[in-house]
Amino acid sequence: MDRAQLLLVGLPLFLFCSDIFHLFSPAPAKPAAHHHHHHNRYQPDSHPVIQHQQPSLEFPTQKATGIGYGNTISIDFCSSCSYRGTAVTMKNMLETQFPGINVVLANYPAPFPKRILSKVVPIVQFGVIGIIMGGEQIFPRLGFAAPPQWYYSMRANKFGSMASTWMLGNFLQSFLQSSGAFEVYCNGEMIFSKIKENRFPGEIELKDLVARRISSSRVVDGVNGGQFY
C-alpha cells in the first residue's frame, strides 16, 4: 500500500475517530458566576430628581407615489431557455422609467404533454445505457434468442454509445421543457407576446406599451370616479 492509499484510508479514519472523541467527551464546565453583594444604605435625597421627557420626534409618513404606483407588470418567461437575464433587464428598465411600479417575474411552463414527455426521457436514457451494459443477459429474459443487430453495433463502441445517449437525452429533455415564451402583462392584460410575435420586445417598445396602458387605465379610473385628468 503506497502513501496515497494510506492517506485516503487514514484521513477518513482519523476524522471518524475525532468525531467519536468529541461526541463522548464531557462538555466544558461553565465559569462560576461571581455575585457581588452591595450593602445599600438608604440615603434620602435632599432634592427630588425631576425627569424631563424629551418630546418624541415624529416623522411624517411618506406616501407611496410615482407614475407607476398601483400598476403591476407581469413578465412570464421561459426559464429553461435562459431568458432570465432579458427579463431582469426589462424589470430594471421599467422600475426606473415608472417609479413605484410592481414588476413580477415568473416562469412560463411548457404545455402539459411536453412536460410529461420530458419526465420520460431520463427513464429511456437509463434503459438504453442498461441495455448497452448488460444486453446479453437482458434479451434472453425478454424472450429473444439472440440480441438484435443494433445492439452489437452499440456494444462495439460502448462508451461512445452511452455518451451519445446521455447527451441526446439531455438535449431532448431541454427542448421539451422549453416554452419559448416571453409574455408581458400590464394589470392582467397582455401587452406583448413572444409566442405570437416570434421576437423579443425592444426596451423603447415595451416602455411605450406600458405607458399607454397606464395612461388609459388612469383615464378610465378618472371617468368612473367622476374626475378627469
C-alpha atoms as a PDB file:
ATOM      1  CA  MET A   1       0.000   0.000   0.000  1.00  0.00           C
ATOM      2  CA  ASP A   2       1.595   3.271  -1.135  1.00  0.00           C
ATOM      3  CA  ARG A   3       1.409   6.647   0.549  1.00  0.00           C
ATOM      4  CA  ALA A   4      -1.597   7.859  -1.467  1.00  0.00           C
ATOM      5  CA  GLN A   5      -3.660   4.837  -0.433  1.00  0.00           C
ATOM      6  CA  LEU A   6      -2.587   5.239   3.196  1.00  0.00           C
ATOM      7  CA  LEU A   7      -3.659   8.888   3.065  1.00  0.00           C
ATOM      8  CA  LEU A   8      -7.031   8.063   1.504  1.00  0.00           C
ATOM      9  CA  VAL A   9      -7.712   5.408   4.136  1.00  0.00           C
ATOM     10  CA  GLY A  10      -6.145   7.096   7.154  1.00  0.00           C
ATOM     11  CA  LEU A  11      -7.688  10.552   6.755  1.00  0.00           C
ATOM     12  CA  PRO A  12     -11.356   9.443   6.920  1.00  0.00           C
ATOM     13  CA  LEU A  13     -10.475   7.079   9.787  1.00  0.00           C
ATOM     14  CA  PHE A  14      -8.822   9.924  11.705  1.00  0.00           C
ATOM     15  CA  LEU A  15     -11.807  12.219  11.168  1.00  0.00           C
ATOM     16  CA  PHE A  16     -14.198   9.473  12.292  1.00  0.00           C
ATOM     17  CA  CYS A  17     -12.225   8.844  15.495  1.00  0.00           C
ATOM     18  CA  SER A  18     -12.055  12.578  16.150  1.00  0.00           C
ATOM     19  CA  ASP A  19     -15.834  12.883  15.845  1.00  0.00           C
ATOM     20  CA  ILE A  20     -16.347   9.957  18.212  1.00  0.00           C
ATOM     21  CA  PHE A  21     -13.934  11.515  20.746  1.00  0.00           C
ATOM     22  CA  HIS A  22     -15.710  14.879  20.671  1.00  0.00           C
ATOM     23  CA  LEU A  23     -19.083  13.168  20.895  1.00  0.00           C
ATOM     24  CA  PHE A  24     -18.342  11.394  24.179  1.00  0.00           C
ATOM     25  CA  SER A  25     -16.045  13.996  25.747  1.00  0.00           C
ATOM     26  CA  PRO A  26     -17.679  15.903  28.629  1.00  0.00           C
ATOM     27  CA  ALA A  27     -18.820  19.424  27.971  1.00  0.00           C
ATOM     28  CA  PRO A  28     -16.577  22.158  29.393  1.00  0.00           C
ATOM     29  CA  ALA A  29     -17.666  23.482  32.761  1.00  0.00           C
ATOM     30  CA  LYS A  30     -19.324  26.859  32.774  1.00  0.00           C
ATOM     31  CA  PRO A  31     -17.474  29.580  34.670  1.00  0.00           C
ATOM     32  CA  ALA A  32     -18.927  30.258  38.073  1.00  0.00           C
ATOM     33  CA  ALA A  33     -20.817  33.471  38.291  1.00  0.00           C
ATOM     34  CA  HIS A  34     -19.408  35.934  40.785  1.00  0.00           C
ATOM     35  CA  HIS A  35     -22.013  37.541  42.994  1.00  0.00           C
ATOM     36  CA  HIS A  36     -21.136  40.900  44.346  1.00  0.00           C
ATOM     37  CA  HIS A  37     -23.016  41.820  47.490  1.00  0.00           C
ATOM     38  CA  HIS A  38     -23.543  45.515  47.805  1.00  0.00           C
ATOM     39  CA  HIS A  39     -24.662  46.928  51.100  1.00  0.00           C
ATOM     40  CA  ASN A  40     -27.046  49.600  50.068  1.00  0.00           C
ATOM     41  CA  ARG A  41     -27.840  52.157  52.666  1.00  0.00           C
ATOM     42  CA  TYR A  42     -30.882  54.301  52.365  1.00  0.00           C
ATOM     43  CA  GLN A  43     -29.837  57.872  51.852  1.00  0.00           C
ATOM     44  CA  PRO A  44     -32.667  60.280  51.484  1.00  0.00           C
ATOM     45  CA  ASP A  45     -32.202  62.662  48.641  1.00  0.00           C
ATOM     46  CA  SER A  46     -32.408  66.271  49.595  1.00  0.00           C
ATOM     47  CA  HIS A  47     -33.583  67.267  46.119  1.00  0.00           C
ATOM     48  CA  PRO A  48     -36.028  65.141  44.150  1.00  0.00           C
ATOM     49  CA  VAL A  49     -34.874  64.181  40.723  1.00  0.00           C
ATOM     50  CA  ILE A  50     -37.087  65.627  38.060  1.00  0.00           C
ATOM     51  CA  GLN A  51     -37.012  63.682  34.839  1.00  0.00           C
ATOM     52  CA  HIS A  52     -37.647  65.682  31.735  1.00  0.00           C
ATOM     53  CA  GLN A  53     -39.163  63.680  28.929  1.00  0.00           C
ATOM     54  CA  GLN A  54     -37.818  64.517  25.555  1.00  0.00           C
ATOM     55  CA  PRO A  55     -40.546  65.099  23.028  1.00  0.00           C
ATOM     56  CA  SER A  56     -40.699  62.212  20.589  1.00  0.00           C
ATOM     57  CA  LEU A  57     -39.725  63.009  17.074  1.00  0.00           C
ATOM     58  CA  GLU A  58     -42.482  62.018  14.705  1.00  0.00           C
ATOM     59  CA  PHE A  59     -41.628  61.953  11.057  1.00  0.00           C
ATOM     60  CA  PRO A  60     -44.424  62.390   8.555  1.00  0.00           C
ATOM     61  CA  THR A  61     -45.308  59.169   6.836  1.00  0.00           C
ATOM     62  CA  GLN A  62     -44.253  59.050   3.251  1.00  0.00           C
ATOM     63  CA  LYS A  63     -46.984  58.127   0.898  1.00  0.00           C
ATOM     64  CA  ALA A  64     -46.154  55.823  -1.956  1.00  0.00           C
ATOM     65  CA  THR A  65     -46.053  57.995  -5.010  1.00  0.00           C
ATOM     66  CA  GLY A  66     -44.787  57.621  -8.528  1.00  0.00           C
ATOM     67  CA  ILE A  67     -46.082  57.419 -12.045  1.00  0.00           C
ATOM     68  CA  GLY A  68     -46.250  53.636 -11.834  1.00  0.00           C
ATOM     69  CA  TYR A  69     -47.776  53.320  -8.376  1.00  0.00           C
ATOM     70  CA  GLY A  70     -50.749  50.944  -8.273  1.00  0.00           C
ATOM     71  CA  ASN A  71     -49.795  49.155 -11.510  1.00  0.00           C
ATOM     72  CA  THR A  72     -48.408  45.644 -11.832  1.00  0.00           C
ATOM     73  CA  ILE A  73     -46.354  44.287 -14.715  1.00  0.00           C
ATOM     74  CA  SER A  74     -46.047  40.505 -15.028  1.00  0.00           C
ATOM     75  CA  ILE A  75     -43.287  39.055 -17.199  1.00  0.00           C
ATOM     76  CA  ASP A  76     -43.721  35.313 -17.741  1.00  0.00           C
ATOM     77  CA  PHE A  77     -40.643  33.895 -19.442  1.00  0.00           C
ATOM     78  CA  CYS A  78     -39.119  30.515 -20.281  1.00  0.00           C
ATOM     79  CA  SER A  79     -36.586  29.848 -17.534  1.00  0.00           C
ATOM     80  CA  SER A  80     -35.095  26.807 -19.302  1.00  0.00           C
ATOM     81  CA  CYS A  81     -34.387  28.983 -22.383  1.00  0.00           C
ATOM     82  CA  SER A  82     -32.019  31.280 -20.463  1.00  0.00           C
ATOM     83  CA  TYR A  83     -34.397  34.246 -20.778  1.00  0.00           C
ATOM     84  CA  ARG A  84     -33.963  35.297 -17.145  1.00  0.00           C
ATOM     85  CA  GLY A  85     -31.259  37.841 -17.985  1.00  0.00           C
ATOM     86  CA  THR A  86     -33.529  39.579 -20.504  1.00  0.00           C
ATOM     87  CA  ALA A  87     -36.422  39.555 -18.029  1.00  0.00           C
ATOM     88  CA  VAL A  88     -34.276  41.120 -15.288  1.00  0.00           C
ATOM     89  CA  THR A  89     -33.057  43.810 -17.703  1.00  0.00           C
ATOM     90  CA  MET A  90     -36.651  44.680 -18.640  1.00  0.00           C
ATOM     91  CA  LYS A  91     -37.645  44.714 -14.970  1.00  0.00           C
ATOM     92  CA  ASN A  92     -34.891  47.181 -14.053  1.00  0.00           C
ATOM     93  CA  MET A  93     -35.773  49.395 -17.010  1.00  0.00           C
ATOM     94  CA  LEU A  94     -39.472  49.528 -16.111  1.00  0.00           C
ATOM     95  CA  GLU A  95     -38.783  50.224 -12.436  1.00  0.00           C
ATOM     96  CA  THR A  96     -36.528  53.126 -13.473  1.00  0.00           C
ATOM     97  CA  GLN A  97     -38.919  54.608 -16.032  1.00  0.00           C
ATOM     98  CA  PHE A  98     -42.057  54.144 -13.907  1.00  0.00           C
ATOM     99  CA  PRO A  99     -41.211  54.714 -10.209  1.00  0.00           C
ATOM    100  CA  GLY A 100     -43.498  52.797  -7.862  1.00  0.00           C
ATOM    101  CA  ILE A 101     -44.464  50.147 -10.416  1.00  0.00           C
ATOM    102  CA  ASN A 102     -44.558  46.498  -9.329  1.00  0.00           C
ATOM    103  CA  VAL A 103     -42.793  44.132 -11.746  1.00  0.00           C
ATOM    104  CA  VAL A 104     -43.258  40.396 -11.143  1.00  0.00           C
ATOM    105  CA  LEU A 105     -41.152  37.734 -12.873  1.00  0.00           C
ATOM    106  CA  ALA A 106     -42.418  34.170 -13.244  1.00  0.00           C
ATOM    107  CA  ASN A 107     -41.699  31.024 -15.241  1.00  0.00           C
ATOM    108  CA  TYR A 108     -43.909  30.221 -18.221  1.00  0.00           C
ATOM    109  CA  PRO A 109     -44.063  26.408 -18.329  1.00  0.00           C
ATOM    110  CA  ALA A 110     -44.209  24.295 -21.440  1.00  0.00           C
ATOM    111  CA  PRO A 111     -47.501  22.627 -22.438  1.00  0.00           C
ATOM    112  CA  PHE A 112     -48.555  19.661 -20.328  1.00  0.00           C
ATOM    113  CA  PRO A 113     -47.842  16.916 -22.945  1.00  0.00           C
ATOM    114  CA  LYS A 114     -44.304  18.185 -23.437  1.00  0.00           C
ATOM    115  CA  ARG A 115     -43.722  18.230 -19.674  1.00  0.00           C
ATOM    116  CA  ILE A 116     -44.882  14.618 -19.415  1.00  0.00           C
ATOM    117  CA  LEU A 117     -42.560  13.540 -22.229  1.00  0.00           C
ATOM    118  CA  SER A 118     -39.653  15.349 -20.568  1.00  0.00           C
ATOM    119  CA  LYS A 119     -40.167  13.141 -17.494  1.00  0.00           C
ATOM    120  CA  VAL A 120     -39.990  10.006 -19.669  1.00  0.00           C
ATOM    121  CA  VAL A 121     -36.672  10.932 -21.307  1.00  0.00           C
ATOM    122  CA  PRO A 122     -34.438  10.108 -18.267  1.00  0.00           C
ATOM    123  CA  ILE A 123     -36.116   6.683 -17.939  1.00  0.00           C
ATOM    124  CA  VAL A 124     -35.335   5.938 -21.585  1.00  0.00           C
ATOM    125  CA  GLN A 125     -31.757   7.164 -21.095  1.00  0.00           C
ATOM    126  CA  PHE A 126     -31.047   4.805 -18.210  1.00  0.00           C
ATOM    127  CA  GLY A 127     -32.854   1.988 -20.019  1.00  0.00           C
ATOM    128  CA  VAL A 128     -30.670   2.296 -23.125  1.00  0.00           C
ATOM    129  CA  ILE A 129     -27.485   2.546 -21.039  1.00  0.00           C
ATOM    130  CA  GLY A 130     -28.527  -0.523 -19.047  1.00  0.00           C
ATOM    131  CA  ILE A 131     -29.135  -2.494 -22.259  1.00  0.00           C
ATOM    132  CA  ILE A 132     -25.728  -1.471 -23.628  1.00  0.00           C
ATOM    133  CA  MET A 133     -24.005  -2.680 -20.453  1.00  0.00           C
ATOM    134  CA  GLY A 134     -25.937  -5.922 -19.887  1.00  0.00           C
ATOM    135  CA  GLY A 135     -27.924  -6.684 -23.021  1.00  0.00           C
ATOM    136  CA  GLU A 136     -26.594 -10.237 -23.305  1.00  0.00           C
ATOM    137  CA  GLN A 137     -28.411 -11.134 -20.072  1.00  0.00           C
ATOM    138  CA  ILE A 138     -31.445  -8.884 -20.660  1.00  0.00           C
ATOM    139  CA  PHE A 139     -32.544 -10.015 -24.140  1.00  0.00           C
ATOM    140  CA  PRO A 140     -32.782 -13.768 -23.316  1.00  0.00           C
ATOM    141  CA  ARG A 141     -35.043 -12.929 -20.361  1.00  0.00           C
ATOM    142  CA  LEU A 142     -37.259 -10.918 -22.689  1.00  0.00           C
ATOM    143  CA  GLY A 143     -37.698 -13.938 -24.967  1.00  0.00           C
ATOM    144  CA  PHE A 144     -35.118 -13.128 -27.635  1.00  0.00           C
ATOM    145  CA  ALA A 145     -32.898 -15.988 -28.717  1.00  0.00           C
ATOM    146  CA  ALA A 146     -30.119 -13.543 -29.611  1.00  0.00           C
ATOM    147  CA  PRO A 147     -29.713  -9.783 -29.239  1.00  0.00           C
ATOM    148  CA  PRO A 148     -30.629  -7.718 -32.324  1.00  0.00           C
ATOM    149  CA  GLN A 149     -28.005  -6.413 -34.695  1.00  0.00           C
ATOM    150  CA  TRP A 150     -28.222  -2.811 -33.485  1.00  0.00           C
ATOM    151  CA  TYR A 151     -27.185  -3.988 -30.019  1.00  0.00           C
ATOM    152  CA  TYR A 152     -23.883  -5.326 -31.341  1.00  0.00           C
ATOM    153  CA  SER A 153     -23.288  -2.065 -33.217  1.00  0.00           C
ATOM    154  CA  MET A 154     -23.766  -0.076 -29.999  1.00  0.00           C
ATOM    155  CA  ARG A 155     -21.804  -2.635 -27.988  1.00  0.00           C
ATOM    156  CA  ALA A 156     -18.802  -2.290 -30.322  1.00  0.00           C
ATOM    157  CA  ASN A 157     -18.381   1.327 -29.167  1.00  0.00           C
ATOM    158  CA  LYS A 158     -19.834   1.022 -25.679  1.00  0.00           C
ATOM    159  CA  PHE A 159     -18.587   4.232 -24.108  1.00  0.00           C
ATOM    160  CA  GLY A 160     -19.313   6.326 -27.205  1.00  0.00           C
ATOM    161  CA  SER A 161     -22.863   4.960 -27.391  1.00  0.00           C
ATOM    162  CA  MET A 162     -23.532   5.714 -23.720  1.00  0.00           C
ATOM    163  CA  ALA A 163     -22.147   9.244 -24.042  1.00  0.00           C
ATOM    164  CA  SER A 164     -24.236   9.895 -27.153  1.00  0.00           C
ATOM    165  CA  THR A 165     -27.356   8.550 -25.423  1.00  0.00           C
ATOM    166  CA  TRP A 166     -26.767  10.812 -22.424  1.00  0.00           C
ATOM    167  CA  MET A 167     -26.123  13.965 -24.482  1.00  0.00           C
ATOM    168  CA  LEU A 168     -29.026  13.347 -26.863  1.00  0.00           C
ATOM    169  CA  GLY A 169     -31.389  12.688 -23.958  1.00  0.00           C
ATOM    170  CA  ASN A 170     -30.368  15.904 -22.177  1.00  0.00           C
ATOM    171  CA  PHE A 171     -30.887  17.910 -25.360  1.00  0.00           C
ATOM    172  CA  LEU A 172     -34.308  16.361 -25.930  1.00  0.00           C
ATOM    173  CA  GLN A 173     -35.325  16.960 -22.314  1.00  0.00           C
ATOM    174  CA  SER A 174     -34.284  20.621 -22.501  1.00  0.00           C
ATOM    175  CA  PHE A 175     -36.259  21.036 -25.731  1.00  0.00           C
ATOM    176  CA  LEU A 176     -39.398  19.506 -24.211  1.00  0.00           C
ATOM    177  CA  GLN A 177     -39.168  21.691 -21.097  1.00  0.00           C
ATOM    178  CA  SER A 178     -38.802  24.947 -23.046  1.00  0.00           C
ATOM    179  CA  SER A 179     -41.821  27.057 -23.923  1.00  0.00           C
ATOM    180  CA  GLY A 180     -40.040  29.870 -25.770  1.00  0.00           C
ATOM    181  CA  ALA A 181     -42.299  32.377 -24.049  1.00  0.00           C
ATOM    182  CA  PHE A 182     -41.726  35.972 -23.050  1.00  0.00           C
ATOM    183  CA  GLU A 183     -45.212  37.228 -22.250  1.00  0.00           C
ATOM    184  CA  VAL A 184     -45.774  40.681 -20.732  1.00  0.00           C
ATOM    185  CA  TYR A 185     -48.976  41.620 -18.907  1.00  0.00           C
ATOM    186  CA  CYS A 186     -49.981  45.011 -17.522  1.00  0.00           C
ATOM    187  CA  ASN A 187     -52.614  44.825 -14.789  1.00  0.00           C
ATOM    188  CA  GLY A 188     -53.651  41.393 -16.038  1.00  0.00           C
ATOM    189  CA  GLU A 189     -53.937  42.397 -19.716  1.00  0.00           C
ATOM    190  CA  MET A 190     -51.428  41.053 -22.236  1.00  0.00           C
ATOM    191  CA  ILE A 191     -49.492  43.801 -23.991  1.00  0.00           C
ATOM    192  CA  PHE A 192     -46.795  41.700 -25.686  1.00  0.00           C
ATOM    193  CA  SER A 193     -46.364  38.010 -26.568  1.00  0.00           C
ATOM    194  CA  LYS A 194     -43.163  36.487 -27.908  1.00  0.00           C
ATOM    195  CA  ILE A 195     -45.089  33.338 -28.826  1.00  0.00           C
ATOM    196  CA  LYS A 196     -47.245  35.381 -31.225  1.00  0.00           C
ATOM    197  CA  GLU A 197     -44.631  37.882 -32.413  1.00  0.00           C
ATOM    198  CA  ASN A 198     -41.750  35.364 -32.513  1.00  0.00           C
ATOM    199  CA  ARG A 199     -39.353  38.019 -31.173  1.00  0.00           C
ATOM    200  CA  PHE A 200     -38.411  39.885 -28.000  1.00  0.00           C
ATOM    201  CA  PRO A 201     -39.784  43.359 -27.307  1.00  0.00           C
ATOM    202  CA  GLY A 202     -37.415  46.295 -27.511  1.00  0.00           C
ATOM    203  CA  GLU A 203     -36.890  48.411 -24.415  1.00  0.00           C
ATOM    204  CA  ILE A 204     -38.377  51.546 -26.036  1.00  0.00           C
ATOM    205  CA  GLU A 205     -41.251  49.500 -27.446  1.00  0.00           C
ATOM    206  CA  LEU A 206     -42.065  47.946 -24.079  1.00  0.00           C
ATOM    207  CA  LYS A 207     -41.810  51.309 -22.322  1.00  0.00           C
ATOM    208  CA  ASP A 208     -44.314  52.829 -24.781  1.00  0.00           C
ATOM    209  CA  LEU A 209     -46.711  49.893 -24.400  1.00  0.00           C
ATOM    210  CA  VAL A 210     -46.669  50.167 -20.608  1.00  0.00           C
ATOM    211  CA  ALA A 211     -47.019  53.977 -20.704  1.00  0.00           C
ATOM    212  CA  ARG A 212     -50.040  53.708 -22.983  1.00  0.00           C
ATOM    213  CA  ARG A 213     -51.660  51.098 -20.776  1.00  0.00           C
ATOM    214  CA  ILE A 214     -51.076  53.123 -17.595  1.00  0.00           C
ATOM    215  CA  SER A 215     -52.453  56.287 -19.231  1.00  0.00           C
ATOM    216  CA  SER A 216     -55.581  54.504 -20.451  1.00  0.00           C
ATOM    217  CA  SER A 217     -56.183  52.961 -17.021  1.00  0.00           C
ATOM    218  CA  ARG A 218     -55.887  56.427 -15.426  1.00  0.00           C
ATOM    219  CA  VAL A 219     -58.425  57.851 -17.841  1.00  0.00           C
ATOM    220  CA  VAL A 220     -60.854  55.015 -17.105  1.00  0.00           C
ATOM    221  CA  ASP A 221     -60.422  55.422 -13.355  1.00  0.00           C
ATOM    222  CA  GLY A 222     -60.923  59.174 -13.646  1.00  0.00           C
ATOM    223  CA  VAL A 223     -64.157  58.795 -15.622  1.00  0.00           C
ATOM    224  CA  ASN A 224     -65.511  56.177 -13.222  1.00  0.00           C
ATOM    225  CA  GLY A 225     -64.663  58.344 -10.223  1.00  0.00           C
ATOM    226  CA  GLY A 226     -66.094  61.493 -11.728  1.00  0.00           C
ATOM    227  CA  GLN A 227     -62.668  63.083 -12.095  1.00  0.00           C
ATOM    228  CA  PHE A 228     -60.909  63.940 -15.308  1.00  0.00           C
ATOM    229  CA  TYR A 229     -57.156  64.164 -15.595  1.00  0.00           C
END
